[in-house]
N, C-alpha and C. Protein backbone atom coordinates (compact mmCIF):
# COMPACT_ATOMS: atom_id res chain seq x y z
N MET A 1 110.02 73.18 142.92
CA MET A 1 110.32 74.48 143.51
C MET A 1 111.90 74.46 143.67
N ASP A 2 112.56 75.54 143.09
CA ASP A 2 114.01 75.53 143.17
C ASP A 2 114.42 76.57 144.25
N ARG A 3 115.77 76.75 144.33
CA ARG A 3 116.21 77.67 145.45
C ARG A 3 115.80 79.16 145.26
N ILE A 4 115.53 79.61 144.11
CA ILE A 4 115.07 80.99 143.81
C ILE A 4 113.59 81.09 144.37
N ASP A 5 112.79 80.08 144.05
CA ASP A 5 111.44 80.08 144.60
C ASP A 5 111.47 80.14 146.03
N LYS A 6 112.33 79.39 146.73
CA LYS A 6 112.49 79.35 148.18
C LYS A 6 112.96 80.71 148.72
N LYS A 7 113.86 81.41 147.98
CA LYS A 7 114.33 82.72 148.36
C LYS A 7 113.11 83.70 148.33
N ILE A 8 112.35 83.52 147.25
CA ILE A 8 111.17 84.46 147.08
C ILE A 8 110.27 84.24 148.23
N LEU A 9 109.93 82.99 148.59
CA LEU A 9 109.05 82.67 149.66
C LEU A 9 109.60 83.20 151.08
N ASN A 10 110.84 83.07 151.28
CA ASN A 10 111.45 83.56 152.50
C ASN A 10 111.28 85.07 152.61
N ILE A 11 111.57 85.78 151.48
CA ILE A 11 111.48 87.28 151.49
C ILE A 11 109.96 87.74 151.71
N LEU A 12 109.11 87.04 150.97
CA LEU A 12 107.72 87.47 151.00
C LEU A 12 107.09 87.18 152.41
N GLN A 13 107.57 86.14 153.08
CA GLN A 13 106.98 85.87 154.47
C GLN A 13 107.44 87.01 155.39
N GLU A 14 108.53 87.58 155.14
CA GLU A 14 109.07 88.71 156.00
C GLU A 14 108.38 90.00 155.62
N ASN A 15 108.14 90.24 154.31
CA ASN A 15 107.57 91.55 153.81
C ASN A 15 106.71 91.25 152.59
N GLY A 16 105.42 91.04 152.77
CA GLY A 16 104.59 90.85 151.70
C GLY A 16 104.30 92.06 150.79
N LYS A 17 104.76 93.18 151.34
CA LYS A 17 104.52 94.42 150.58
C LYS A 17 105.64 94.85 149.69
N ILE A 18 106.74 94.02 149.67
CA ILE A 18 107.99 94.38 148.93
C ILE A 18 107.55 94.54 147.48
N THR A 19 108.17 95.54 146.87
CA THR A 19 107.89 95.72 145.40
C THR A 19 108.54 94.60 144.58
N ASN A 20 107.90 94.33 143.49
CA ASN A 20 108.54 93.27 142.62
C ASN A 20 109.98 93.72 142.14
N ALA A 21 110.22 94.87 141.91
CA ALA A 21 111.53 95.31 141.53
C ALA A 21 112.61 95.08 142.60
N LYS A 22 112.28 95.38 143.85
CA LYS A 22 113.14 95.09 144.93
C LYS A 22 113.32 93.64 145.15
N LEU A 23 112.23 92.89 145.10
CA LEU A 23 112.33 91.35 145.23
C LEU A 23 113.21 90.73 144.21
N SER A 24 113.08 91.25 142.94
CA SER A 24 113.88 90.70 141.86
C SER A 24 115.34 90.98 142.02
N ARG A 25 115.71 92.21 142.51
CA ARG A 25 117.14 92.49 142.86
C ARG A 25 117.67 91.55 143.99
N MET A 26 116.80 91.26 144.98
CA MET A 26 117.26 90.49 146.08
C MET A 26 117.40 88.99 145.69
N VAL A 27 116.73 88.47 144.81
CA VAL A 27 116.80 87.14 144.35
C VAL A 27 117.77 86.94 143.07
N GLY A 28 118.05 88.03 142.52
CA GLY A 28 118.95 88.04 141.39
C GLY A 28 118.47 87.64 140.01
N ILE A 29 117.18 87.88 139.74
CA ILE A 29 116.58 87.63 138.45
C ILE A 29 115.79 88.85 138.02
N SER A 30 115.41 88.90 136.71
CA SER A 30 114.75 90.02 136.22
C SER A 30 113.28 90.14 136.91
N ALA A 31 112.78 91.37 136.84
CA ALA A 31 111.49 91.67 137.45
C ALA A 31 110.43 90.79 136.77
N PRO A 32 110.39 90.81 135.46
CA PRO A 32 109.26 89.94 134.85
C PRO A 32 109.34 88.50 135.26
N ALA A 33 110.61 87.92 135.35
CA ALA A 33 110.69 86.53 135.78
C ALA A 33 110.30 86.33 137.26
N THR A 34 110.55 87.35 138.11
CA THR A 34 110.11 87.26 139.50
C THR A 34 108.68 87.37 139.56
N PHE A 35 108.09 88.22 138.86
CA PHE A 35 106.59 88.28 138.86
C PHE A 35 105.91 86.98 138.38
N GLU A 36 106.52 86.38 137.34
CA GLU A 36 105.93 85.18 136.83
C GLU A 36 106.14 84.01 138.00
N ARG A 37 107.23 84.05 138.59
CA ARG A 37 107.48 82.97 139.65
C ARG A 37 106.45 83.11 140.80
N VAL A 38 106.22 84.40 141.21
CA VAL A 38 105.27 84.64 142.34
C VAL A 38 103.81 84.25 141.91
N LYS A 39 103.49 84.57 140.59
CA LYS A 39 102.18 84.22 140.24
C LYS A 39 102.03 82.62 140.17
N ARG A 40 103.12 81.96 139.71
CA ARG A 40 103.14 80.48 139.64
C ARG A 40 103.01 79.91 141.12
N LEU A 41 103.67 80.57 142.08
CA LEU A 41 103.56 80.06 143.46
C LEU A 41 102.16 80.22 143.97
N GLU A 42 101.54 81.39 143.53
CA GLU A 42 100.10 81.63 143.93
C GLU A 42 99.15 80.55 143.30
N THR A 43 99.31 80.41 141.99
CA THR A 43 98.46 79.49 141.24
C THR A 43 98.59 78.03 141.83
N ALA A 44 99.81 77.65 142.24
CA ALA A 44 99.95 76.37 142.77
C ALA A 44 99.50 76.19 144.21
N GLY A 45 99.08 77.31 144.78
CA GLY A 45 98.58 77.29 146.12
C GLY A 45 99.66 77.25 147.21
N ILE A 46 100.94 77.46 146.79
CA ILE A 46 102.04 77.51 147.82
C ILE A 46 101.97 78.85 148.52
N ILE A 47 101.67 79.91 147.83
CA ILE A 47 101.33 81.16 148.50
C ILE A 47 99.76 81.14 148.49
N SER A 48 99.20 81.08 149.77
CA SER A 48 97.69 80.90 149.76
C SER A 48 97.07 82.31 149.76
N HIS A 49 97.65 83.35 150.30
CA HIS A 49 97.11 84.70 150.23
C HIS A 49 98.10 85.72 150.90
N PHE A 50 97.86 86.99 150.64
CA PHE A 50 98.59 88.06 151.32
C PHE A 50 97.76 88.71 152.29
N THR A 51 98.21 89.16 153.35
CA THR A 51 97.35 89.69 154.41
C THR A 51 98.12 90.76 155.26
N ALA A 52 97.44 91.53 155.95
CA ALA A 52 98.11 92.47 156.92
C ALA A 52 97.98 91.84 158.31
N VAL A 53 99.10 91.93 159.10
CA VAL A 53 99.04 91.46 160.47
C VAL A 53 98.83 92.56 161.40
N VAL A 54 97.68 92.48 162.14
CA VAL A 54 97.24 93.58 162.99
C VAL A 54 97.62 93.31 164.50
N ASP A 55 98.17 94.22 165.23
CA ASP A 55 98.44 94.03 166.63
C ASP A 55 97.14 94.13 167.32
N PRO A 56 96.68 93.07 167.98
CA PRO A 56 95.35 93.01 168.60
C PRO A 56 95.21 94.11 169.66
N GLU A 57 96.27 94.29 170.48
CA GLU A 57 96.26 95.28 171.63
C GLU A 57 96.04 96.69 171.11
N LYS A 58 96.61 97.03 169.97
CA LYS A 58 96.52 98.38 169.40
C LYS A 58 95.23 98.66 168.83
N VAL A 59 94.34 97.62 168.73
CA VAL A 59 92.96 97.82 168.13
C VAL A 59 91.89 97.51 169.21
N GLY A 60 92.37 97.35 170.49
CA GLY A 60 91.49 97.19 171.63
C GLY A 60 91.09 95.80 172.08
N PHE A 61 91.90 94.81 171.62
CA PHE A 61 91.74 93.45 172.03
C PHE A 61 92.90 93.10 172.96
N SER A 62 92.70 93.11 174.26
CA SER A 62 93.81 93.04 175.24
C SER A 62 93.91 91.63 175.76
N ILE A 63 93.10 90.75 175.42
CA ILE A 63 93.28 89.31 176.03
C ILE A 63 93.33 88.26 174.99
N MET A 64 94.26 87.34 175.10
CA MET A 64 94.34 86.20 174.22
C MET A 64 94.25 84.99 175.11
N VAL A 65 93.47 83.94 174.69
CA VAL A 65 93.20 82.80 175.49
C VAL A 65 93.40 81.57 174.64
N ILE A 66 94.14 80.56 175.05
CA ILE A 66 94.28 79.31 174.46
C ILE A 66 93.25 78.49 175.07
N VAL A 67 92.42 77.86 174.24
CA VAL A 67 91.23 77.11 174.82
C VAL A 67 91.43 75.74 174.37
N SER A 68 91.50 74.71 175.29
CA SER A 68 91.55 73.31 175.04
C SER A 68 90.09 72.70 175.17
N ILE A 69 89.71 72.05 174.13
CA ILE A 69 88.39 71.46 174.04
C ILE A 69 88.43 70.00 173.94
N THR A 70 87.64 69.45 174.81
CA THR A 70 87.46 67.95 174.79
C THR A 70 86.03 67.63 174.40
N LEU A 71 85.87 66.75 173.45
CA LEU A 71 84.41 66.38 173.05
C LEU A 71 83.96 65.18 173.78
N SER A 72 82.70 65.13 173.89
CA SER A 72 81.99 63.98 174.46
C SER A 72 82.20 62.79 173.46
N LEU A 73 82.54 61.56 173.95
CA LEU A 73 82.69 60.44 173.12
C LEU A 73 81.49 60.09 172.27
N SER A 74 80.37 60.40 172.87
CA SER A 74 79.10 60.07 172.18
C SER A 74 78.85 61.09 171.02
N LYS A 75 79.53 62.13 170.95
CA LYS A 75 79.29 63.17 170.01
C LYS A 75 80.42 63.21 168.93
N LEU A 76 81.34 62.25 168.93
CA LEU A 76 82.39 62.28 167.88
C LEU A 76 81.89 62.32 166.43
N SER A 77 80.77 61.80 166.22
CA SER A 77 80.19 61.82 164.88
C SER A 77 79.83 63.25 164.48
N SER A 78 79.72 64.15 165.31
CA SER A 78 79.37 65.58 165.00
C SER A 78 80.57 66.46 164.84
N VAL A 79 81.78 65.83 164.63
CA VAL A 79 83.05 66.65 164.61
C VAL A 79 82.80 67.66 163.36
N PRO A 80 82.40 67.36 162.20
CA PRO A 80 82.31 68.28 161.11
C PRO A 80 81.40 69.49 161.55
N LEU A 81 80.28 69.26 162.23
CA LEU A 81 79.38 70.29 162.66
C LEU A 81 80.08 71.22 163.65
N ILE A 82 80.85 70.64 164.56
CA ILE A 82 81.58 71.33 165.63
C ILE A 82 82.64 72.31 164.94
N LYS A 83 83.31 71.69 164.03
CA LYS A 83 84.34 72.48 163.24
C LYS A 83 83.69 73.71 162.64
N GLU A 84 82.53 73.51 161.99
CA GLU A 84 81.87 74.55 161.40
C GLU A 84 81.45 75.65 162.44
N LYS A 85 80.95 75.20 163.60
CA LYS A 85 80.55 76.13 164.62
C LYS A 85 81.78 76.94 165.04
N PHE A 86 83.00 76.33 165.26
CA PHE A 86 84.11 77.09 165.64
C PHE A 86 84.48 78.09 164.59
N SER A 87 84.38 77.78 163.35
CA SER A 87 84.74 78.65 162.22
C SER A 87 83.86 79.87 162.11
N GLU A 88 82.68 79.73 162.74
CA GLU A 88 81.69 80.78 162.64
C GLU A 88 81.92 81.90 163.77
N LEU A 89 82.70 81.49 164.74
CA LEU A 89 82.83 82.37 165.91
C LEU A 89 83.96 83.40 165.63
N ASP A 90 83.65 84.70 165.59
CA ASP A 90 84.55 85.74 165.25
C ASP A 90 85.79 85.76 166.27
N GLU A 91 85.46 85.45 167.49
CA GLU A 91 86.58 85.57 168.51
C GLU A 91 87.63 84.49 168.36
N VAL A 92 87.29 83.37 167.69
CA VAL A 92 88.26 82.34 167.35
C VAL A 92 89.11 82.71 166.13
N VAL A 93 90.47 83.01 166.33
CA VAL A 93 91.32 83.38 165.27
C VAL A 93 92.05 82.21 164.74
N GLU A 94 92.25 81.18 165.52
CA GLU A 94 92.92 79.93 165.07
C GLU A 94 92.26 78.74 165.64
N CYS A 95 92.15 77.62 164.90
CA CYS A 95 91.53 76.39 165.45
C CYS A 95 92.24 75.20 164.84
N TYR A 96 92.58 74.31 165.84
CA TYR A 96 93.30 73.17 165.40
C TYR A 96 92.60 71.91 166.00
N GLN A 97 92.31 70.93 165.10
CA GLN A 97 91.94 69.67 165.59
C GLN A 97 93.20 68.91 165.94
N ILE A 98 93.29 68.32 167.11
CA ILE A 98 94.56 67.63 167.43
C ILE A 98 94.32 66.23 167.92
N ALA A 99 95.41 65.46 168.02
CA ALA A 99 95.45 64.18 168.65
C ALA A 99 96.13 64.35 169.96
N GLY A 100 95.61 63.74 170.97
CA GLY A 100 96.22 63.84 172.31
C GLY A 100 95.10 63.88 173.38
N ALA A 101 95.46 64.67 174.46
CA ALA A 101 94.57 64.71 175.59
C ALA A 101 93.33 65.52 175.27
N HIS A 102 93.36 66.41 174.21
CA HIS A 102 92.16 67.18 173.90
C HIS A 102 91.91 66.89 172.41
N ASP A 103 90.75 67.41 172.04
CA ASP A 103 90.41 67.26 170.61
C ASP A 103 90.61 68.47 169.75
N PHE A 104 90.54 69.63 170.38
CA PHE A 104 90.71 70.93 169.63
C PHE A 104 91.46 71.93 170.54
N ILE A 105 92.25 72.70 169.90
CA ILE A 105 92.90 73.84 170.52
C ILE A 105 92.36 75.11 169.76
N LEU A 106 91.86 76.12 170.45
CA LEU A 106 91.40 77.38 169.90
C LEU A 106 92.30 78.48 170.40
N LYS A 107 92.60 79.41 169.51
CA LYS A 107 93.14 80.67 169.93
C LYS A 107 92.07 81.71 169.86
N VAL A 108 91.82 82.40 170.96
CA VAL A 108 90.64 83.27 171.03
C VAL A 108 91.21 84.62 171.49
N ILE A 109 90.70 85.68 170.80
CA ILE A 109 91.15 87.03 171.07
C ILE A 109 89.79 87.77 171.63
N ALA A 110 89.94 88.48 172.65
CA ALA A 110 88.77 89.30 173.24
C ALA A 110 89.24 90.65 173.69
N LYS A 111 88.31 91.52 173.85
CA LYS A 111 88.60 92.86 174.26
C LYS A 111 89.10 92.87 175.74
N ASP A 112 88.50 92.08 176.55
CA ASP A 112 88.94 91.93 177.96
C ASP A 112 88.39 90.70 178.62
N ILE A 113 88.61 90.52 179.91
CA ILE A 113 88.21 89.22 180.55
C ILE A 113 86.70 89.15 180.56
N LYS A 114 85.99 90.20 180.69
CA LYS A 114 84.57 90.21 180.68
C LYS A 114 84.00 89.68 179.37
N ALA A 115 84.65 90.20 178.23
CA ALA A 115 84.23 89.82 176.91
C ALA A 115 84.43 88.33 176.69
N TYR A 116 85.63 87.83 177.19
CA TYR A 116 85.98 86.47 177.05
C TYR A 116 84.95 85.61 177.87
N ALA A 117 84.64 85.97 179.02
CA ALA A 117 83.60 85.23 179.80
C ALA A 117 82.29 85.19 179.10
N GLU A 118 81.88 86.32 178.50
CA GLU A 118 80.66 86.31 177.71
C GLU A 118 80.76 85.42 176.47
N PHE A 119 81.80 85.46 175.85
CA PHE A 119 82.02 84.50 174.69
C PHE A 119 81.87 83.02 175.18
N MET A 120 82.56 82.75 176.21
CA MET A 120 82.65 81.36 176.74
C MET A 120 81.22 80.90 177.10
N ASN A 121 80.54 81.81 177.93
CA ASN A 121 79.24 81.48 178.48
C ASN A 121 78.10 81.53 177.52
N GLN A 122 78.22 82.37 176.54
CA GLN A 122 77.03 82.68 175.62
C GLN A 122 77.16 81.90 174.25
N LYS A 123 78.45 81.54 173.99
CA LYS A 123 78.63 80.92 172.66
C LYS A 123 79.28 79.60 172.80
N LEU A 124 80.45 79.46 173.41
CA LEU A 124 81.23 78.24 173.43
C LEU A 124 80.46 77.10 174.13
N THR A 125 79.94 77.33 175.35
CA THR A 125 79.27 76.41 176.09
C THR A 125 78.00 75.86 175.44
N ARG A 126 77.54 76.59 174.45
CA ARG A 126 76.21 76.21 173.79
C ARG A 126 76.41 75.36 172.64
N ILE A 127 77.60 75.01 172.29
CA ILE A 127 77.94 74.07 171.18
C ILE A 127 77.79 72.63 171.66
N GLN A 128 76.86 71.91 171.08
CA GLN A 128 76.55 70.56 171.44
C GLN A 128 77.70 69.70 171.12
N GLY A 129 78.08 68.83 172.15
CA GLY A 129 79.19 67.82 171.92
C GLY A 129 80.45 68.18 172.71
N ILE A 130 80.45 69.35 173.24
CA ILE A 130 81.69 69.74 174.03
C ILE A 130 81.50 69.17 175.47
N GLN A 131 82.51 68.44 175.88
CA GLN A 131 82.50 67.82 177.21
C GLN A 131 83.22 68.73 178.23
N ASN A 132 84.37 69.26 177.79
CA ASN A 132 85.20 70.02 178.73
C ASN A 132 85.96 71.16 177.97
N ILE A 133 85.95 72.28 178.66
CA ILE A 133 86.67 73.51 178.16
C ILE A 133 87.62 73.92 179.19
N GLN A 134 88.79 74.01 178.71
CA GLN A 134 89.98 74.49 179.62
C GLN A 134 90.64 75.72 179.04
N SER A 135 90.47 76.86 179.72
CA SER A 135 91.05 78.12 179.25
C SER A 135 92.40 78.47 179.91
N SER A 136 93.33 78.90 179.09
CA SER A 136 94.65 79.33 179.62
C SER A 136 94.88 80.76 179.04
N ILE A 137 94.93 81.67 179.86
CA ILE A 137 95.11 83.07 179.49
C ILE A 137 96.63 83.28 179.17
N VAL A 138 96.91 83.83 178.01
CA VAL A 138 98.16 84.16 177.54
C VAL A 138 98.75 85.39 178.32
N ILE A 139 99.83 85.35 179.04
CA ILE A 139 100.40 86.48 179.78
C ILE A 139 101.44 87.17 178.95
N ASP A 140 102.10 86.37 177.97
CA ASP A 140 103.14 86.97 177.19
C ASP A 140 103.33 86.04 175.94
N SER A 141 103.85 86.61 174.82
CA SER A 141 104.10 85.76 173.62
C SER A 141 105.57 86.18 173.13
N PRO A 142 106.53 85.59 173.78
CA PRO A 142 107.88 86.04 173.41
C PRO A 142 108.26 85.62 171.96
N LYS A 143 107.41 84.64 171.34
CA LYS A 143 107.64 84.33 169.85
C LYS A 143 106.28 84.11 169.29
N ASP A 144 105.91 85.02 168.36
CA ASP A 144 104.62 84.86 167.73
C ASP A 144 104.94 85.14 166.22
N LYS A 145 105.52 84.15 165.62
CA LYS A 145 105.96 84.30 164.23
C LYS A 145 105.34 83.29 163.39
N LYS A 146 104.77 83.57 162.23
CA LYS A 146 104.12 82.78 161.36
C LYS A 146 105.06 82.35 160.17
N ILE A 147 106.29 82.81 160.30
CA ILE A 147 107.20 82.66 159.23
C ILE A 147 108.09 81.33 159.48
N PHE A 148 108.29 80.58 158.39
CA PHE A 148 109.27 79.43 158.60
C PHE A 148 110.28 79.55 157.44
N VAL A 149 111.51 79.31 157.71
CA VAL A 149 112.58 79.45 156.80
C VAL A 149 112.70 78.18 155.89
N LEU A 150 112.68 78.49 154.57
CA LEU A 150 112.91 77.41 153.67
C LEU A 150 114.39 77.39 153.32
N GLU A 151 115.04 76.23 153.37
CA GLU A 151 116.50 76.08 153.06
C GLU A 151 116.62 76.30 151.59
N THR A 152 117.67 77.20 151.20
CA THR A 152 117.84 77.37 149.79
C THR A 152 119.10 76.71 149.19
N GLY A 153 119.79 76.10 150.16
CA GLY A 153 120.98 75.40 149.70
C GLY A 153 122.23 76.27 149.64
N GLU A 154 122.10 77.52 150.08
CA GLU A 154 123.27 78.43 149.94
C GLU A 154 123.98 78.61 151.28
């Protein structure tokens, strides 16, 4: 991956809908060469997918909760099954298996506190192997950016 590939990735992270023509002008190479580079980055798995980022509040989801999960030591052998259960829950938009005081961190989106309580009581607490659930309601997200800058050497 050279500096042009990194420039392409930086630009696409900011605007995945940019036209190939505009992208090629911004990186300083021809449109066909830019198109081939983007395709190569996709084929290599460096670009995993393109998606639209939706504002949860504008579509009726007013609460975000960071959920810390601790598993029962006797159930550690069932981690793959627990991961599968988490991935099946529509309310869970991000899931991380971590090392530290907890075993998993979930980012959960719900319509309101009542919907979150229902999710926790009817779905999360029914997953075998969970010992402790700690919920932290997000009151603000001053930085919520999925973009990371790749150094291009310029």
